[in-house]
Amino acid sequence: MKEIDINWSEEIRKFIEAKSREYRKKKALEEINAMLSNLSGAEKGTAEKYVREDRDSN
C-alpha cells in the first residue's frame, strides 16, 4: 500500500460515507413502501375523472 500514491484514509472515508448514504436511502425507501402499502388504492377511472374536470373548468 505504501508503494501506491493513494490517500488510503481518504478513500476509506469516502467508501464508508457512500455505504452510509446507500443504507439511509434503502431504509427510507422501505419506510415509504411500508406507508404506501397501508393506503387504499383509488377507484378505476379516478385520474381520468380529475383530468376531465380540470380540462372542462378552463
Protein backbone atom coordinates (compact mmCIF):
# COMPACT_ATOMS: atom_id res chain seq x y z
CA MET A 1 0.00 0.00 0.00
CA LYS A 2 2.89 2.35 0.71
CA GLU A 3 4.17 1.93 -2.85
CA ILE A 4 0.96 3.33 -4.32
CA ASP A 5 0.42 7.09 -4.16
CA ILE A 6 -3.12 6.97 -2.76
CA ASN A 7 -4.51 8.64 0.34
CA TRP A 8 -5.97 5.44 1.78
CA SER A 9 -7.67 7.05 4.77
CA GLU A 10 -9.50 9.42 2.41
CA GLU A 11 -10.53 6.56 0.13
CA ILE A 12 -11.81 4.52 3.07
CA ARG A 13 -13.70 7.55 4.43
CA LYS A 14 -15.37 8.11 1.03
CA PHE A 15 -16.31 4.42 0.83
CA ILE A 16 -17.85 4.44 4.32
CA GLU A 17 -19.78 7.64 3.58
CA ALA A 18 -21.13 6.17 0.32
CA LYS A 19 -22.22 2.97 2.07
CA SER A 20 -23.88 5.03 4.80
CA ARG A 21 -25.82 7.09 2.22
CA GLU A 22 -26.83 3.91 0.42
CA TYR A 23 -28.09 2.38 3.68
CA ARG A 24 -30.10 5.51 4.61
CA LYS A 25 -31.70 5.62 1.14
CA LYS A 26 -32.61 1.94 1.37
CA LYS A 27 -34.17 2.40 4.83
CA ALA A 28 -36.13 5.45 3.62
CA LEU A 29 -37.49 3.51 0.64
CA GLU A 30 -38.50 0.63 2.91
CA GLU A 31 -40.36 3.06 5.19
CA ILE A 32 -42.10 4.72 2.23
CA ASN A 33 -43.11 1.35 0.81
CA ALA A 34 -44.49 0.32 4.20
CA MET A 35 -46.55 3.53 4.38
CA LEU A 36 -47.81 3.12 0.82
CA SER A 37 -48.82 -0.48 1.42
CA ASN A 38 -51.23 0.74 4.12
CA LEU A 39 -53.04 3.10 1.73
CA SER A 40 -56.06 2.01 -0.20
CA GLY A 41 -55.94 2.39 -3.96
CA ALA A 42 -58.03 4.84 -5.92
CA GLU A 43 -61.04 3.58 -7.84
CA LYS A 44 -60.53 2.83 -11.52
CA GLY A 45 -61.04 5.97 -13.59
CA THR A 46 -60.31 8.45 -10.81
CA ALA A 47 -57.33 10.05 -12.56
CA GLU A 48 -59.28 10.28 -15.82
CA LYS A 49 -62.17 11.94 -13.97
CA TYR A 50 -59.90 14.56 -12.38
CA VAL A 51 -58.15 15.33 -15.67
CA ARG A 52 -61.50 15.73 -17.43
CA GLU A 53 -62.80 18.03 -14.65
CA ASP A 54 -59.68 20.16 -14.90
CA ARG A 55 -59.87 20.44 -18.69
CA ASP A 56 -63.56 21.27 -18.59
CA SER A 57 -63.07 24.00 -15.98
CA ASN A 58 -60.93 26.16 -18.32
